[in-house]
All heavy atoms as atom14 arrays in JSON, in Angstrom:
{
  "sequence": "FTISRDNAKNTVHLQMDSLKPEDTGVYYCAAKGDVITTPY",
  "atom14_mask": [
    [1, 1, 1, 1, 1, 1, 1, 1, 1, 1, 1, 0, 0, 0],
    [1, 1, 1, 1, 1, 1, 1, 0, 0, 0, 0, 0, 0, 0],
    [1, 1, 1, 1, 1, 1, 1, 1, 0, 0, 0, 0, 0, 0],
    [1, 1, 1, 1, 1, 1, 0, 0, 0, 0, 0, 0, 0, 0],
    [1, 1, 1, 1, 1, 1, 1, 1, 1, 1, 1, 0, 0, 0],
    [1, 1, 1, 1, 1, 1, 1, 1, 0, 0, 0, 0, 0, 0],
    [1, 1, 1, 1, 1, 1, 1, 1, 0, 0, 0, 0, 0, 0],
    [1, 1, 1, 1, 1, 0, 0, 0, 0, 0, 0, 0, 0, 0],
    [1, 1, 1, 1, 1, 1, 1, 1, 1, 0, 0, 0, 0, 0],
    [1, 1, 1, 1, 1, 1, 1, 1, 0, 0, 0, 0, 0, 0],
    [1, 1, 1, 1, 1, 1, 1, 0, 0, 0, 0, 0, 0, 0],
    [1, 1, 1, 1, 1, 1, 1, 0, 0, 0, 0, 0, 0, 0],
    [1, 1, 1, 1, 1, 1, 1, 1, 1, 1, 0, 0, 0, 0],
    [1, 1, 1, 1, 1, 1, 1, 1, 0, 0, 0, 0, 0, 0],
    [1, 1, 1, 1, 1, 1, 1, 1, 1, 0, 0, 0, 0, 0],
    [1, 1, 1, 1, 1, 1, 1, 1, 0, 0, 0, 0, 0, 0],
    [1, 1, 1, 1, 1, 1, 1, 1, 0, 0, 0, 0, 0, 0],
    [1, 1, 1, 1, 1, 1, 0, 0, 0, 0, 0, 0, 0, 0],
    [1, 1, 1, 1, 1, 1, 1, 1, 0, 0, 0, 0, 0, 0],
    [1, 1, 1, 1, 1, 1, 1, 1, 1, 0, 0, 0, 0, 0],
    [1, 1, 1, 1, 1, 1, 1, 0, 0, 0, 0, 0, 0, 0],
    [1, 1, 1, 1, 1, 1, 1, 1, 1, 0, 0, 0, 0, 0],
    [1, 1, 1, 1, 1, 1, 1, 1, 0, 0, 0, 0, 0, 0],
    [1, 1, 1, 1, 1, 1, 1, 0, 0, 0, 0, 0, 0, 0],
    [1, 1, 1, 1, 0, 0, 0, 0, 0, 0, 0, 0, 0, 0],
    [1, 1, 1, 1, 1, 1, 1, 0, 0, 0, 0, 0, 0, 0],
    [1, 1, 1, 1, 1, 1, 1, 1, 1, 1, 1, 1, 0, 0],
    [1, 1, 1, 1, 1, 1, 1, 1, 1, 1, 1, 1, 0, 0],
    [1, 1, 1, 1, 1, 1, 0, 0, 0, 0, 0, 0, 0, 0],
    [1, 1, 1, 1, 1, 0, 0, 0, 0, 0, 0, 0, 0, 0],
    [1, 1, 1, 1, 1, 0, 0, 0, 0, 0, 0, 0, 0, 0],
    [1, 1, 1, 1, 1, 1, 1, 1, 1, 0, 0, 0, 0, 0],
    [1, 1, 1, 1, 0, 0, 0, 0, 0, 0, 0, 0, 0, 0],
    [1, 1, 1, 1, 1, 1, 1, 1, 0, 0, 0, 0, 0, 0],
    [1, 1, 1, 1, 1, 1, 1, 0, 0, 0, 0, 0, 0, 0],
    [1, 1, 1, 1, 1, 1, 1, 1, 0, 0, 0, 0, 0, 0],
    [1, 1, 1, 1, 1, 1, 1, 0, 0, 0, 0, 0, 0, 0],
    [1, 1, 1, 1, 1, 1, 1, 0, 0, 0, 0, 0, 0, 0],
    [1, 1, 1, 1, 1, 1, 1, 0, 0, 0, 0, 0, 0, 0],
    [1, 1, 1, 1, 1, 1, 1, 1, 1, 1, 1, 1, 0, 0]
  ],
  "atom14_positions": [
    [[-5.41, 8.49, 1.38], [-4.94, 7.14, 1.5], [-3.68, 7.11, 2.38], [-2.82, 8.0, 2.21], [-4.54, 6.53, 0.17], [-5.7, 6.2, -0.71], [-7.03, 6.7, -0.56], [-5.41, 5.47, -1.89], [-8.09, 6.39, -1.46], [-6.46, 5.09, -2.74], [-7.76, 5.61, -2.49], [0.0, 0.0, 0.0], [0.0, 0.0, 0.0], [0.0, 0.0, 0.0]],
    [[-3.63, 6.03, 3.22], [-2.36, 5.95, 4.05], [-1.85, 4.49, 3.96], [-2.58, 3.6, 4.17], [-2.66, 6.24, 5.53], [-3.32, 7.6, 5.56], [-1.43, 6.24, 6.53], [0.0, 0.0, 0.0], [0.0, 0.0, 0.0], [0.0, 0.0, 0.0], [0.0, 0.0, 0.0], [0.0, 0.0, 0.0], [0.0, 0.0, 0.0], [0.0, 0.0, 0.0]],
    [[-0.61, 4.41, 3.7], [0.01, 3.11, 3.68], [0.81, 2.9, 4.93], [1.43, 3.89, 5.47], [0.99, 3.04, 2.43], [1.53, 1.69, 2.17], [2.15, 3.91, 2.43], [2.25, 1.29, 0.87], [0.0, 0.0, 0.0], [0.0, 0.0, 0.0], [0.0, 0.0, 0.0], [0.0, 0.0, 0.0], [0.0, 0.0, 0.0], [0.0, 0.0, 0.0]],
    [[0.92, 1.71, 5.44], [1.63, 1.44, 6.72], [1.99, -0.07, 6.78], [1.37, -0.92, 6.07], [0.71, 1.78, 7.9], [-0.54, 0.93, 8.06], [0.0, 0.0, 0.0], [0.0, 0.0, 0.0], [0.0, 0.0, 0.0], [0.0, 0.0, 0.0], [0.0, 0.0, 0.0], [0.0, 0.0, 0.0], [0.0, 0.0, 0.0], [0.0, 0.0, 0.0]],
    [[2.98, -0.26, 7.6], [3.49, -1.78, 7.58], [3.23, -2.29, 9.06], [3.19, -1.62, 9.97], [5.11, -1.73, 7.51], [5.64, -0.91, 6.29], [7.11, -1.18, 6.32], [7.54, -2.51, 5.99], [7.88, -2.81, 4.84], [8.18, -2.04, 3.81], [8.28, -4.17, 4.57], [0.0, 0.0, 0.0], [0.0, 0.0, 0.0], [0.0, 0.0, 0.0]],
    [[3.05, -3.52, 9.01], [2.89, -4.28, 10.26], [3.77, -5.47, 10.13], [3.34, -6.59, 9.66], [1.4, -4.64, 10.52], [1.26, -5.36, 11.96], [2.35, -5.8, 12.57], [0.07, -5.54, 12.38], [0.0, 0.0, 0.0], [0.0, 0.0, 0.0], [0.0, 0.0, 0.0], [0.0, 0.0, 0.0], [0.0, 0.0, 0.0], [0.0, 0.0, 0.0]],
    [[5.07, -5.21, 10.52], [6.03, -6.41, 10.23], [5.67, -7.56, 11.06], [6.03, -8.77, 10.61], [7.5, -5.83, 10.56], [7.89, -4.85, 9.55], [7.52, -4.83, 8.31], [8.9, -4.03, 9.86], [0.0, 0.0, 0.0], [0.0, 0.0, 0.0], [0.0, 0.0, 0.0], [0.0, 0.0, 0.0], [0.0, 0.0, 0.0], [0.0, 0.0, 0.0]],
    [[5.17, -7.37, 12.26], [4.82, -8.58, 13.19], [3.83, -9.56, 12.51], [3.9, -10.69, 12.71], [4.32, -8.09, 14.49], [0.0, 0.0, 0.0], [0.0, 0.0, 0.0], [0.0, 0.0, 0.0], [0.0, 0.0, 0.0], [0.0, 0.0, 0.0], [0.0, 0.0, 0.0], [0.0, 0.0, 0.0], [0.0, 0.0, 0.0], [0.0, 0.0, 0.0]],
    [[2.93, -8.96, 11.62], [1.98, -9.85, 10.94], [2.46, -9.95, 9.42], [1.53, -10.56, 8.57], [0.58, -9.12, 10.93], [0.04, -9.03, 12.34], [-1.26, -8.4, 12.5], [-1.87, -8.34, 13.9], [-3.2, -7.85, 13.89], [0.0, 0.0, 0.0], [0.0, 0.0, 0.0], [0.0, 0.0, 0.0], [0.0, 0.0, 0.0], [0.0, 0.0, 0.0]],
    [[3.53, -9.47, 9.11], [4.04, -9.71, 7.61], [3.02, -9.12, 6.7], [2.77, -9.72, 5.66], [4.34, -11.22, 7.39], [5.55, -11.43, 6.48], [6.43, -10.46, 6.32], [5.56, -12.44, 5.72], [0.0, 0.0, 0.0], [0.0, 0.0, 0.0], [0.0, 0.0, 0.0], [0.0, 0.0, 0.0], [0.0, 0.0, 0.0], [0.0, 0.0, 0.0]],
    [[2.53, -8.04, 7.01], [1.41, -7.35, 6.35], [1.66, -5.83, 6.07], [2.31, -5.24, 6.95], [0.16, -7.58, 7.02], [-0.15, -8.98, 7.19], [-1.06, -6.92, 6.32], [0.0, 0.0, 0.0], [0.0, 0.0, 0.0], [0.0, 0.0, 0.0], [0.0, 0.0, 0.0], [0.0, 0.0, 0.0], [0.0, 0.0, 0.0], [0.0, 0.0, 0.0]],
    [[1.2, -5.28, 4.83], [1.18, -3.85, 4.65], [-0.21, -3.55, 4.39], [-0.96, -4.29, 3.62], [2.12, -3.62, 3.46], [1.85, -2.13, 3.13], [3.49, -3.88, 3.81], [0.0, 0.0, 0.0], [0.0, 0.0, 0.0], [0.0, 0.0, 0.0], [0.0, 0.0, 0.0], [0.0, 0.0, 0.0], [0.0, 0.0, 0.0], [0.0, 0.0, 0.0]],
    [[-0.73, -2.51, 5.04], [-2.18, -1.94, 4.77], [-2.16, -0.61, 3.95], [-1.2, 0.02, 3.77], [-2.71, -1.66, 6.14], [-2.7, -2.78, 7.03], [-3.52, -3.86, 6.98], [-1.97, -3.13, 8.22], [-3.34, -4.76, 7.94], [-2.43, -4.16, 8.69], [0.0, 0.0, 0.0], [0.0, 0.0, 0.0], [0.0, 0.0, 0.0], [0.0, 0.0, 0.0]],
    [[-3.37, -0.51, 3.34], [-3.62, 0.71, 2.56], [-5.09, 1.14, 3.11], [-6.06, 0.55, 2.78], [-3.58, 0.52, 1.04], [-3.87, 1.74, 0.28], [-2.77, 2.69, 0.4], [-4.11, 1.49, -1.11], [0.0, 0.0, 0.0], [0.0, 0.0, 0.0], [0.0, 0.0, 0.0], [0.0, 0.0, 0.0], [0.0, 0.0, 0.0], [0.0, 0.0, 0.0]],
    [[-5.01, 2.07, 3.98], [-6.14, 2.67, 4.47], [-6.71, 3.82, 3.54], [-5.97, 4.68, 3.18], [-6.06, 3.51, 5.85], [-7.14, 4.17, 6.46], [-8.28, 3.05, 6.83], [-8.14, 1.98, 7.26], [-9.52, 3.45, 6.61], [0.0, 0.0, 0.0], [0.0, 0.0, 0.0], [0.0, 0.0, 0.0], [0.0, 0.0, 0.0], [0.0, 0.0, 0.0]],
    [[-7.92, 3.55, 2.98], [-8.47, 4.47, 1.99], [-9.76, 5.15, 2.52], [-10.75, 4.47, 2.88], [-8.79, 3.71, 0.61], [-7.64, 2.88, 0.11], [-8.01, 2.05, -1.36], [-9.21, 0.81, -0.93], [0.0, 0.0, 0.0], [0.0, 0.0, 0.0], [0.0, 0.0, 0.0], [0.0, 0.0, 0.0], [0.0, 0.0, 0.0], [0.0, 0.0, 0.0]],
    [[-9.72, 6.4, 2.68], [-10.84, 7.12, 3.25], [-11.29, 8.09, 2.15], [-10.6, 8.36, 1.15], [-10.33, 7.95, 4.51], [-9.9, 7.17, 5.61], [-10.47, 6.03, 5.91], [-8.82, 7.35, 6.2], [0.0, 0.0, 0.0], [0.0, 0.0, 0.0], [0.0, 0.0, 0.0], [0.0, 0.0, 0.0], [0.0, 0.0, 0.0], [0.0, 0.0, 0.0]],
    [[-12.51, 8.63, 2.4], [-13.07, 9.71, 1.45], [-12.95, 9.1, 0.04], [-12.54, 9.92, -0.85], [-12.38, 11.03, 1.65], [-12.41, 11.49, 2.99], [0.0, 0.0, 0.0], [0.0, 0.0, 0.0], [0.0, 0.0, 0.0], [0.0, 0.0, 0.0], [0.0, 0.0, 0.0], [0.0, 0.0, 0.0], [0.0, 0.0, 0.0], [0.0, 0.0, 0.0]],
    [[-13.42, 7.94, -0.12], [-13.22, 7.29, -1.49], [-14.11, 7.97, -2.51], [-15.25, 8.52, -2.13], [-13.6, 5.8, -1.35], [-12.59, 4.98, -0.72], [-13.01, 3.69, -0.32], [-11.5, 4.8, -1.85], [0.0, 0.0, 0.0], [0.0, 0.0, 0.0], [0.0, 0.0, 0.0], [0.0, 0.0, 0.0], [0.0, 0.0, 0.0], [0.0, 0.0, 0.0]],
    [[-13.67, 8.03, -3.81], [-14.34, 8.58, -4.81], [-14.56, 7.59, -5.98], [-13.97, 6.54, -6.09], [-13.53, 9.77, -5.45], [-13.16, 10.86, -4.44], [-12.21, 11.88, -4.99], [-11.84, 13.03, -4.06], [-10.83, 13.93, -4.66], [0.0, 0.0, 0.0], [0.0, 0.0, 0.0], [0.0, 0.0, 0.0], [0.0, 0.0, 0.0], [0.0, 0.0, 0.0]],
    [[-15.58, 7.89, -6.77], [-15.8, 6.9, -7.9], [-14.59, 6.67, -8.76], [-14.42, 5.49, -9.25], [-16.89, 7.5, -8.62], [-17.67, 8.28, -7.71], [-16.62, 8.93, -6.79], [0.0, 0.0, 0.0], [0.0, 0.0, 0.0], [0.0, 0.0, 0.0], [0.0, 0.0, 0.0], [0.0, 0.0, 0.0], [0.0, 0.0, 0.0], [0.0, 0.0, 0.0]],
    [[-13.75, 7.56, -8.89], [-12.61, 7.5, -9.7], [-11.49, 6.6, -9.02], [-10.44, 6.21, -9.58], [-11.91, 8.83, -10.05], [-11.6, 9.85, -8.97], [-12.98, 10.76, -8.78], [-14.03, 10.42, -8.94], [-12.56, 11.95, -8.45], [0.0, 0.0, 0.0], [0.0, 0.0, 0.0], [0.0, 0.0, 0.0], [0.0, 0.0, 0.0], [0.0, 0.0, 0.0]],
    [[-11.72, 6.2, -7.77], [-10.8, 5.29, -7.14], [-11.13, 3.89, -7.49], [-10.45, 2.9, -7.07], [-10.93, 5.42, -5.56], [-10.33, 6.77, -5.11], [-9.32, 7.23, -5.66], [-11.01, 7.41, -4.15], [0.0, 0.0, 0.0], [0.0, 0.0, 0.0], [0.0, 0.0, 0.0], [0.0, 0.0, 0.0], [0.0, 0.0, 0.0], [0.0, 0.0, 0.0]],
    [[-12.23, 3.59, -8.22], [-12.65, 2.22, -8.64], [-11.56, 1.69, -9.45], [-10.93, 2.26, -10.42], [-13.94, 2.35, -9.39], [-14.91, 2.66, -8.34], [-14.37, 0.99, -9.93], [0.0, 0.0, 0.0], [0.0, 0.0, 0.0], [0.0, 0.0, 0.0], [0.0, 0.0, 0.0], [0.0, 0.0, 0.0], [0.0, 0.0, 0.0], [0.0, 0.0, 0.0]],
    [[-11.36, 0.28, -9.13], [-10.32, -0.4, -9.91], [-9.8, -1.63, -9.24], [-10.34, -2.12, -8.11], [0.0, 0.0, 0.0], [0.0, 0.0, 0.0], [0.0, 0.0, 0.0], [0.0, 0.0, 0.0], [0.0, 0.0, 0.0], [0.0, 0.0, 0.0], [0.0, 0.0, 0.0], [0.0, 0.0, 0.0], [0.0, 0.0, 0.0], [0.0, 0.0, 0.0]],
    [[-8.92, -2.4, -9.89], [-8.3, -3.56, -9.27], [-6.97, -3.11, -8.63], [-6.11, -2.5, -9.22], [-8.08, -4.65, -10.29], [-7.47, -5.89, -9.5], [-9.27, -4.97, -10.92], [0.0, 0.0, 0.0], [0.0, 0.0, 0.0], [0.0, 0.0, 0.0], [0.0, 0.0, 0.0], [0.0, 0.0, 0.0], [0.0, 0.0, 0.0], [0.0, 0.0, 0.0]],
    [[-6.85, -3.36, -7.28], [-5.69, -2.89, -6.56], [-4.73, -4.11, -6.36], [-5.09, -5.15, -5.81], [-6.11, -2.27, -5.21], [-6.69, -0.96, -5.32], [-7.94, -0.76, -5.92], [-5.96, 0.18, -4.84], [-8.53, 0.64, -5.98], [-6.51, 1.46, -4.97], [-7.75, 1.64, -5.62], [-8.3, 2.91, -5.71], [0.0, 0.0, 0.0], [0.0, 0.0, 0.0]],
    [[-3.5, -3.87, -6.62], [-2.45, -4.84, -6.56], [-1.46, -4.45, -5.49], [-1.12, -3.3, -5.49], [-1.85, -5.18, -7.94], [-2.76, -5.59, -8.88], [-3.38, -4.62, -9.76], [-2.89, -6.88, -9.2], [-4.19, -4.98, -10.8], [-3.7, -7.32, -10.25], [-4.44, -6.41, -10.98], [-5.19, -6.76, -12.05], [0.0, 0.0, 0.0], [0.0, 0.0, 0.0]],
    [[-0.94, -5.31, -4.76], [0.41, -4.91, -4.04], [1.57, -5.71, -4.64], [1.36, -6.69, -5.38], [0.23, -5.3, -2.54], [0.17, -7.09, -2.09], [0.0, 0.0, 0.0], [0.0, 0.0, 0.0], [0.0, 0.0, 0.0], [0.0, 0.0, 0.0], [0.0, 0.0, 0.0], [0.0, 0.0, 0.0], [0.0, 0.0, 0.0], [0.0, 0.0, 0.0]],
    [[2.69, -5.14, -4.46], [3.87, -5.51, -5.04], [4.98, -5.38, -4.05], [5.04, -4.49, -3.21], [4.18, -4.82, -6.27], [0.0, 0.0, 0.0], [0.0, 0.0, 0.0], [0.0, 0.0, 0.0], [0.0, 0.0, 0.0], [0.0, 0.0, 0.0], [0.0, 0.0, 0.0], [0.0, 0.0, 0.0], [0.0, 0.0, 0.0], [0.0, 0.0, 0.0]],
    [[6.05, -6.22, -4.17], [7.18, -6.26, -3.18], [8.5, -6.27, -3.95], [8.59, -7.04, -5.03], [7.09, -7.35, -2.24], [0.0, 0.0, 0.0], [0.0, 0.0, 0.0], [0.0, 0.0, 0.0], [0.0, 0.0, 0.0], [0.0, 0.0, 0.0], [0.0, 0.0, 0.0], [0.0, 0.0, 0.0], [0.0, 0.0, 0.0], [0.0, 0.0, 0.0]],
    [[9.42, -5.5, -3.52], [10.81, -5.49, -4.1], [11.75, -5.5, -3.02], [11.77, -4.69, -2.15], [11.04, -4.25, -4.9], [12.26, -4.18, -5.75], [12.23, -2.92, -6.71], [13.45, -3.01, -7.65], [14.69, -2.79, -7.01], [0.0, 0.0, 0.0], [0.0, 0.0, 0.0], [0.0, 0.0, 0.0], [0.0, 0.0, 0.0], [0.0, 0.0, 0.0]],
    [[12.66, -6.54, -3.01], [13.46, -6.87, -1.88], [14.74, -6.22, -1.72], [15.85, -6.8, -1.76], [0.0, 0.0, 0.0], [0.0, 0.0, 0.0], [0.0, 0.0, 0.0], [0.0, 0.0, 0.0], [0.0, 0.0, 0.0], [0.0, 0.0, 0.0], [0.0, 0.0, 0.0], [0.0, 0.0, 0.0], [0.0, 0.0, 0.0], [0.0, 0.0, 0.0]],
    [[14.79, -4.9, -1.41], [15.93, -4.27, -1.06], [15.66, -2.92, -0.21], [14.49, -2.58, -0.26], [16.73, -3.66, -2.39], [15.97, -2.75, -3.28], [15.63, -1.73, -2.74], [15.8, -3.1, -4.36], [0.0, 0.0, 0.0], [0.0, 0.0, 0.0], [0.0, 0.0, 0.0], [0.0, 0.0, 0.0], [0.0, 0.0, 0.0], [0.0, 0.0, 0.0]],
    [[16.53, -2.35, 0.34], [16.39, -1.2, 1.29], [16.77, 0.11, 0.62], [16.7, 1.13, 1.31], [17.09, -1.41, 2.57], [16.64, -2.62, 3.42], [18.71, -1.54, 2.29], [0.0, 0.0, 0.0], [0.0, 0.0, 0.0], [0.0, 0.0, 0.0], [0.0, 0.0, 0.0], [0.0, 0.0, 0.0], [0.0, 0.0, 0.0], [0.0, 0.0, 0.0]],
    [[17.17, 0.12, -0.66], [17.59, 1.31, -1.34], [16.47, 1.81, -2.3], [16.59, 2.97, -2.71], [18.82, 1.15, -2.04], [18.73, 0.18, -3.3], [19.91, 0.75, -1.06], [19.98, 0.13, -4.02], [0.0, 0.0, 0.0], [0.0, 0.0, 0.0], [0.0, 0.0, 0.0], [0.0, 0.0, 0.0], [0.0, 0.0, 0.0], [0.0, 0.0, 0.0]],
    [[15.43, 1.03, -2.48], [14.28, 1.57, -3.37], [13.59, 2.55, -2.73], [13.02, 2.34, -1.61], [13.46, 0.33, -3.94], [14.16, -0.58, -4.61], [12.28, 0.82, -4.67], [0.0, 0.0, 0.0], [0.0, 0.0, 0.0], [0.0, 0.0, 0.0], [0.0, 0.0, 0.0], [0.0, 0.0, 0.0], [0.0, 0.0, 0.0], [0.0, 0.0, 0.0]],
    [[13.51, 3.76, -3.39], [12.74, 4.73, -2.65], [11.23, 4.52, -2.99], [10.81, 3.92, -4.02], [13.13, 6.28, -3.32], [12.71, 6.28, -4.64], [14.62, 6.43, -3.13], [0.0, 0.0, 0.0], [0.0, 0.0, 0.0], [0.0, 0.0, 0.0], [0.0, 0.0, 0.0], [0.0, 0.0, 0.0], [0.0, 0.0, 0.0], [0.0, 0.0, 0.0]],
    [[10.41, 5.11, -2.18], [8.89, 4.96, -2.45], [8.51, 5.54, -3.82], [7.67, 4.94, -4.45], [8.24, 5.71, -1.21], [9.31, 5.62, -0.17], [10.56, 5.81, -0.8], [0.0, 0.0, 0.0], [0.0, 0.0, 0.0], [0.0, 0.0, 0.0], [0.0, 0.0, 0.0], [0.0, 0.0, 0.0], [0.0, 0.0, 0.0], [0.0, 0.0, 0.0]],
    [[9.05, 6.62, -4.14], [8.77, 7.26, -5.45], [9.11, 6.4, -6.59], [8.26, 6.13, -7.46], [9.39, 8.67, -5.59], [9.19, 9.3, -6.89], [8.16, 10.2, -7.03], [9.95, 9.02, -8.03], [7.93, 10.86, -8.13], [9.71, 9.68, -9.27], [8.6, 10.59, -9.23], [8.29, 11.14, -10.47], [0.0, 0.0, 0.0], [0.0, 0.0, 0.0]]
  ]
}
């Protein structure tokens, strides 16, 4: 999986390759408005 931003389109993508059955689920995106929150 690869996450990336496209600020010009106000969009974030999640490219998912080599998908497995255990990847099945409901996927949600979430946003937190600050620049100090680490990805972890």
